[in-house]
C-alpha atoms as a PDB file:
ATOM      1  CA  MET A   1      77.109 119.413  47.262  1.00  0.00           C
ATOM      2  CA  LYS A   2      78.555 118.665  43.834  1.00  0.00           C
ATOM      3  CA  HIS A   3      81.093 121.481  44.125  1.00  0.00           C
ATOM      4  CA  LEU A   4      82.028 120.462  47.645  1.00  0.00           C
ATOM      5  CA  LEU A   5      82.678 116.912  46.450  1.00  0.00           C
ATOM      6  CA  LEU A   6      84.831 118.219  43.620  1.00  0.00           C
ATOM      7  CA  GLN A   7      86.970 120.053  46.188  1.00  0.00           C
ATOM      8  CA  LYS A   8      87.079 117.184  48.651  1.00  0.00           C
ATOM      9  CA  PHE A   9      87.914 114.516  46.118  1.00  0.00           C
ATOM     10  CA  HIS A  10      90.703 116.230  44.243  1.00  0.00           C
ATOM     11  CA  ASN A  11      93.813 115.056  46.041  1.00  0.00           C
ATOM     12  CA  PRO A  12      96.406 113.561  43.665  1.00  0.00           C
ATOM     13  CA  GLU A  13      98.761 112.805  46.593  1.00  0.00           C
ATOM     14  CA  LYS A  14      96.131 110.345  47.858  1.00  0.00           C
ATOM     15  CA  ASP A  15      95.599 108.900  44.345  1.00  0.00           C
ATOM     16  CA  ILE A  16      92.122 110.412  44.093  1.00  0.00           C
ATOM     17  CA  SER A  17      91.090 112.964  41.496  1.00  0.00           C
ATOM     18  CA  THR A  18      87.870 114.459  40.235  1.00  0.00           C
ATOM     19  CA  ILE A  19      86.587 113.968  36.718  1.00  0.00           C
ATOM     20  CA  LEU A  20      85.250 117.317  35.591  1.00  0.00           C
ATOM     21  CA  SER A  21      83.641 115.992  32.414  1.00  0.00           C
ATOM     22  CA  ALA A  22      81.494 113.384  34.181  1.00  0.00           C
ATOM     23  CA  SER A  23      78.070 112.625  32.756  1.00  0.00           C
ATOM     24  CA  THR A  24      76.822 112.142  36.331  1.00  0.00           C
ATOM     25  CA  ASP A  25      76.783 114.930  38.934  1.00  0.00           C
ATOM     26  CA  THR A  26      80.449 114.222  39.507  1.00  0.00           C
ATOM     27  CA  ALA A  27      82.915 111.357  39.370  1.00  0.00           C
ATOM     28  CA  VAL A  28      86.278 110.482  40.823  1.00  0.00           C
ATOM     29  CA  GLU A  29      89.094 108.240  39.818  1.00  0.00           C
ATOM     30  CA  PHE A  30      90.441 106.330  42.784  1.00  0.00           C
ATOM     31  CA  LYS A  31      92.688 103.279  42.753  1.00  0.00           C
ATOM     32  CA  LYS A  32      92.254 103.030  38.971  1.00  0.00           C
ATOM     33  CA  LYS A  33      88.467 102.798  39.347  1.00  0.00           C
ATOM     34  CA  ILE A  34      85.979 105.386  38.185  1.00  0.00           C
ATOM     35  CA  ILE A  35      83.297 106.069  40.768  1.00  0.00           C
ATOM     36  CA  TRP A  36      80.246 107.813  39.320  1.00  0.00           C
ATOM     37  CA  ILE A  37      78.422 109.928  41.907  1.00  0.00           C
ATOM     38  CA  GLU A  38      74.865 111.243  41.885  1.00  0.00           C
ATOM     39  CA  CYS A  39      74.184 113.934  44.497  1.00  0.00           C
ATOM     40  CA  LYS A  40      70.872 114.673  46.182  1.00  0.00           C
ATOM     41  CA  ARG A  41      69.916 117.235  48.820  1.00  0.00           C
ATOM     42  CA  VAL A  42      67.161 116.007  51.116  1.00  0.00           C
ATOM     43  CA  THR A  43      65.012 118.467  53.011  1.00  0.00           C
ATOM     44  CA  SER A  44      62.674 116.117  54.861  1.00  0.00           C
ATOM     45  CA  GLU A  45      62.215 112.470  55.736  1.00  0.00           C
ATOM     46  CA  LYS A  46      59.421 112.299  53.183  1.00  0.00           C
ATOM     47  CA  ASN A  47      61.687 112.935  50.217  1.00  0.00           C
ATOM     48  CA  ILE A  48      64.621 110.680  51.135  1.00  0.00           C
ATOM     49  CA  GLU A  49      63.347 107.564  49.391  1.00  0.00           C
ATOM     50  CA  ASN A  50      62.339 109.424  46.236  1.00  0.00           C
ATOM     51  CA  ASN A  51      65.714 111.180  46.005  1.00  0.00           C
ATOM     52  CA  ILE A  52      67.628 107.947  46.560  1.00  0.00           C
ATOM     53  CA  ARG A  53      65.553 106.219  43.886  1.00  0.00           C
ATOM     54  CA  LYS A  54      66.254 109.045  41.399  1.00  0.00           C
ATOM     55  CA  ALA A  55      69.988 108.896  42.100  1.00  0.00           C
ATOM     56  CA  ALA A  56      70.071 105.090  41.837  1.00  0.00           C
ATOM     57  CA  ASN A  57      68.182 105.211  38.523  1.00  0.00           C
ATOM     58  CA  GLN A  58      70.647 107.775  37.183  1.00  0.00           C
ATOM     59  CA  LEU A  59      73.575 105.597  38.264  1.00  0.00           C
ATOM     60  CA  ASP A  60      71.912 102.523  36.743  1.00  0.00           C
ATOM     61  CA  LYS A  61      71.859 104.241  33.357  1.00  0.00           C
ATOM     62  CA  GLN A  62      75.481 105.331  33.660  1.00  0.00           C
ATOM     63  CA  LEU A  63      76.770 101.955  34.839  1.00  0.00           C
ATOM     64  CA  ASN A  64      74.949 100.108  32.060  1.00  0.00           C
ATOM     65  CA  LYS A  65      76.379 102.272  29.266  1.00  0.00           C
ATOM     66  CA  LYS A  66      78.568 100.423  26.854  1.00  0.00           C
ATOM     67  CA  VAL A  67      81.973 101.635  25.781  1.00  0.00           C
ATOM     68  CA  GLY A  68      82.295 100.212  22.310  1.00  0.00           C
ATOM     69  CA  LYS A  69      80.724  96.771  22.679  1.00  0.00           C
ATOM     70  CA  LYS A  70      81.607  96.314  26.346  1.00  0.00           C
ATOM     71  CA  ILE A  71      80.254  97.526  29.645  1.00  0.00           C
ATOM     72  CA  LYS A  72      83.101  98.895  31.786  1.00  0.00           C
ATOM     73  CA  THR A  73      82.734  96.527  34.735  1.00  0.00           C
ATOM     74  CA  GLY A  74      85.413  98.203  36.862  1.00  0.00           C
ATOM     75  CA  ASN A  75      83.356 101.357  37.290  1.00  0.00           C
ATOM     76  CA  LYS A  76      81.389 101.902  40.492  1.00  0.00           C
ATOM     77  CA  GLY A  77      78.435 104.045  41.554  1.00  0.00           C
ATOM     78  CA  LEU A  78      77.854 106.015  44.732  1.00  0.00           C
ATOM     79  CA  VAL A  79      74.818 107.981  45.903  1.00  0.00           C
ATOM     80  CA  ALA A  80      75.699 111.151  47.826  1.00  0.00           C
ATOM     81  CA  ILE A  81      73.146 112.716  50.174  1.00  0.00           C
ATOM     82  CA  ASP A  82      73.348 116.107  51.844  1.00  0.00           C
ATOM     83  CA  PHE A  83      70.955 116.102  54.812  1.00  0.00           C
ATOM     84  CA  SER A  84      71.914 119.520  56.237  1.00  0.00           C
ATOM     85  CA  LYS A  85      68.458 121.003  55.698  1.00  0.00           C
ATOM     86  CA  MET A  86      66.869 118.222  57.767  1.00  0.00           C
ATOM     87  CA  LEU A  87      68.834 119.129  60.895  1.00  0.00           C
ATOM     88  CA  HIS A  88      67.707 122.591  61.847  1.00  0.00           C
ATOM     89  CA  SER A  89      65.218 124.970  60.391  1.00  0.00           C
ATOM     90  CA  GLY A  90      66.195 128.530  59.668  1.00  0.00           C
ATOM     91  CA  ASP A  91      68.199 130.167  62.416  1.00  0.00           C
ATOM     92  CA  GLN A  92      68.604 127.268  64.859  1.00  0.00           C
ATOM     93  CA  LEU A  93      72.082 126.357  66.049  1.00  0.00           C
ATOM     94  CA  LEU A  94      73.631 123.136  67.256  1.00  0.00           C
ATOM     95  CA  VAL A  95      74.574 124.113  70.820  1.00  0.00           C
ATOM     96  CA  LYS A  96      76.864 122.068  73.065  1.00  0.00           C
ATOM     97  CA  ALA A  97      78.493 122.835  76.408  1.00  0.00           C
ATOM     98  CA  ASN A  98      82.081 122.589  75.165  1.00  0.00           C
ATOM     99  CA  ASP A  99      84.262 121.706  72.182  1.00  0.00           C
ATOM    100  CA  VAL A 100      84.560 118.020  73.109  1.00  0.00           C
ATOM    101  CA  ASP A 101      80.783 117.609  73.317  1.00  0.00           C
ATOM    102  CA  LEU A 102      80.378 119.487  70.048  1.00  0.00           C
ATOM    103  CA  LEU A 103      82.888 117.306  68.205  1.00  0.00           C
ATOM    104  CA  ASN A 104      81.393 114.119  69.647  1.00  0.00           C
ATOM    105  CA  SER A 105      77.892 115.159  68.602  1.00  0.00           C
ATOM    106  CA  VAL A 106      78.908 115.717  64.979  1.00  0.00           C
ATOM    107  CA  GLY A 107      79.830 112.068  64.367  1.00  0.00           C
ATOM    108  CA  LYS A 108      76.757 110.887  66.242  1.00  0.00           C
ATOM    109  CA  ILE A 109      74.499 112.964  63.989  1.00  0.00           C
ATOM    110  CA  THR A 110      75.903 111.205  60.917  1.00  0.00           C
ATOM    111  CA  GLU A 111      75.742 107.758  62.546  1.00  0.00           C
ATOM    112  CA  THR A 112      72.133 108.339  63.617  1.00  0.00           C
ATOM    113  CA  PHE A 113      71.121 109.452  60.121  1.00  0.00           C
ATOM    114  CA  ILE A 114      72.703 106.364  58.551  1.00  0.00           C
ATOM    115  CA  ALA A 115      71.137 104.033  61.138  1.00  0.00           C
ATOM    116  CA  GLN A 116      67.722 105.593  60.641  1.00  0.00           C
ATOM    117  CA  PHE A 117      67.629 105.591  56.830  1.00  0.00           C
ATOM    118  CA  SER A 118      70.075 102.963  55.516  1.00  0.00           C
ATOM    119  CA  ASN A 119      67.308 100.370  55.214  1.00  0.00           C
ATOM    120  CA  GLN A 120      65.544 102.640  52.718  1.00  0.00           C
ATOM    121  CA  TRP A 121      68.491 103.021  50.390  1.00  0.00           C
ATOM    122  CA  ASN A 122      69.591  99.394  50.747  1.00  0.00           C
ATOM    123  CA  ARG A 123      66.092  98.259  49.776  1.00  0.00           C
ATOM    124  CA  ILE A 124      66.305 100.431  46.647  1.00  0.00           C
ATOM    125  CA  PHE A 125      69.830  99.242  45.811  1.00  0.00           C
ATOM    126  CA  GLU A 126      68.681  95.584  45.857  1.00  0.00           C
ATOM    127  CA  THR A 127      66.932  96.122  42.527  1.00  0.00           C
ATOM    128  CA  LYS A 128      69.652  98.264  40.927  1.00  0.00           C
ATOM    129  CA  ASN A 129      73.012  97.646  39.314  1.00  0.00           C
ATOM    130  CA  ASN A 130      75.253  95.689  41.672  1.00  0.00           C
ATOM    131  CA  ARG A 131      78.086  98.149  41.005  1.00  0.00           C
ATOM    132  CA  ILE A 132      76.301 100.772  43.099  1.00  0.00           C
ATOM    133  CA  ILE A 133      78.452 100.276  46.177  1.00  0.00           C
ATOM    134  CA  GLY A 134      76.893 102.511  48.787  1.00  0.00           C
ATOM    135  CA  THR A 135      75.870 105.887  50.074  1.00  0.00           C
ATOM    136  CA  LEU A 136      77.938 108.908  51.013  1.00  0.00           C
ATOM    137  CA  VAL A 137      76.240 111.238  53.500  1.00  0.00           C
ATOM    138  CA  HIS A 138      77.119 114.785  54.474  1.00  0.00           C
ATOM    139  CA  PHE A 139      75.822 117.583  56.628  1.00  0.00           C
ATOM    140  CA  SER A 140      76.966 121.049  57.562  1.00  0.00           C
ATOM    141  CA  THR A 141      75.403 123.349  60.150  1.00  0.00           C
ATOM    142  CA  MET A 142      76.125 126.338  62.335  1.00  0.00           C
ATOM    143  CA  ALA A 143      77.053 125.472  65.905  1.00  0.00           C
ATOM    144  CA  THR A 144      78.386 126.948  69.090  1.00  0.00           C
ATOM    145  CA  SER A 145      80.454 125.752  71.994  1.00  0.00           C
ATOM    146  CA  GLN A 146      79.040 127.488  75.080  1.00  0.00           C
ATOM    147  CA  ALA A 147      82.367 127.252  76.917  1.00  0.00           C
ATOM    148  CA  ARG A 148      84.015 129.479  74.309  1.00  0.00           C
ATOM    149  CA  ASN A 149      80.902 131.303  73.082  1.00  0.00           C
ATOM    150  CA  LEU A 150      82.197 130.801  69.557  1.00  0.00           C
ATOM    151  CA  LEU A 151      80.049 130.444  66.449  1.00  0.00           C
ATOM    152  CA  VAL A 152      81.442 127.845  64.033  1.00  0.00           C
ATOM    153  CA  THR A 153      80.397 125.748  61.074  1.00  0.00           C
ATOM    154  CA  VAL A 154      80.591 122.012  61.699  1.00  0.00           C
ATOM    155  CA  SER A 155      80.277 119.286  59.106  1.00  0.00           C
ATOM    156  CA  ASP A 156      80.785 115.581  58.734  1.00  0.00           C
ATOM    157  CA  TRP A 157      80.975 112.953  56.029  1.00  0.00           C
ATOM    158  CA  GLY A 158      80.055 109.316  56.395  1.00  0.00           C
ATOM    159  CA  VAL A 159      79.808 106.295  54.144  1.00  0.00           C
ATOM    160  CA  ASN A 160      77.438 103.401  54.293  1.00  0.00           C
ATOM    161  CA  PRO A 161      78.384 100.434  52.118  1.00  0.00           C
ATOM    162  CA  LYS A 162      75.568  98.637  50.369  1.00  0.00           C
ATOM    163  CA  VAL A 163      74.472  95.464  52.156  1.00  0.00           C
ATOM    164  CA  ASN A 164      76.433  92.445  50.874  1.00  0.00           C
ATOM    165  CA  THR A 165      78.925  94.518  48.907  1.00  0.00           C
ATOM    166  CA  SER A 166      82.363  93.001  48.440  1.00  0.00           C
ATOM    167  CA  HIS A 167      85.281  93.345  50.826  1.00  0.00           C
ATOM    168  CA  PHE A 168      87.080  95.359  48.128  1.00  0.00           C
ATOM    169  CA  ASN A 169      84.189  97.838  47.863  1.00  0.00           C
ATOM    170  CA  ASN A 170      83.975  98.139  51.662  1.00  0.00           C
ATOM    171  CA  SER A 171      87.694  98.923  51.798  1.00  0.00           C
ATOM    172  CA  LEU A 172      87.371 101.403  48.946  1.00  0.00           C
ATOM    173  CA  LEU A 173      84.563 103.250  50.744  1.00  0.00           C
ATOM    174  CA  SER A 174      86.439 103.207  54.038  1.00  0.00           C
ATOM    175  CA  GLU A 175      89.493 104.784  52.401  1.00  0.00           C
ATOM    176  CA  ILE A 176      87.322 107.415  50.708  1.00  0.00           C
ATOM    177  CA  ALA A 177      85.713 108.310  54.042  1.00  0.00           C
ATOM    178  CA  THR A 178      89.119 108.685  55.670  1.00  0.00           C
ATOM    179  CA  ILE A 179      90.367 110.900  52.861  1.00  0.00           C
ATOM    180  CA  ILE A 180      87.374 113.236  52.766  1.00  0.00           C
ATOM    181  CA  ASN A 181      87.194 113.610  56.535  1.00  0.00           C
ATOM    182  CA  ASN A 182      90.891 114.480  56.776  1.00  0.00           C
ATOM    183  CA  ILE A 183      91.247 116.991  53.940  1.00  0.00           C
ATOM    184  CA  ASN A 184      90.896 120.663  54.742  1.00  0.00           C
ATOM    185  CA  THR A 185      88.869 122.668  52.233  1.00  0.00           C
END
């Protein structure tokens, strides 16, 4: 996931660029803010909470580091989760009747995942640095549209702002989601 984020986030025309020397899994500079990102791949419901906690702890350490005598308060933290392995085991495909149904199902998968698990990560974030602004989720899977009998890879990205995060952080996350969902890699 780290390498995919590096590709997705490097878009100087959109004022977003990756930081290759990040001390976290990756980082981006966007709107003059550094966003530190810790990536986790979840394989089952059982390990979601533990992975989120690990990522949040790693971000806590990074966000509390001092530069000289000051903590850089403009920096943000984001947990990134790849839940692809939770969707289908082995050789199963996402099968839909046609392209429209397939495209509609992709967004619903992400929305359902966020709705089902956001309480877990928000509960963890309550006790962590308030500059952790939310969760970025991603999945990718093989699929087919029966109408065209075509095998394709589908993927989606979604963001879930932390509960009670600022309007600025919500806007920042919304812009990031738009950028990463509209960039071809």
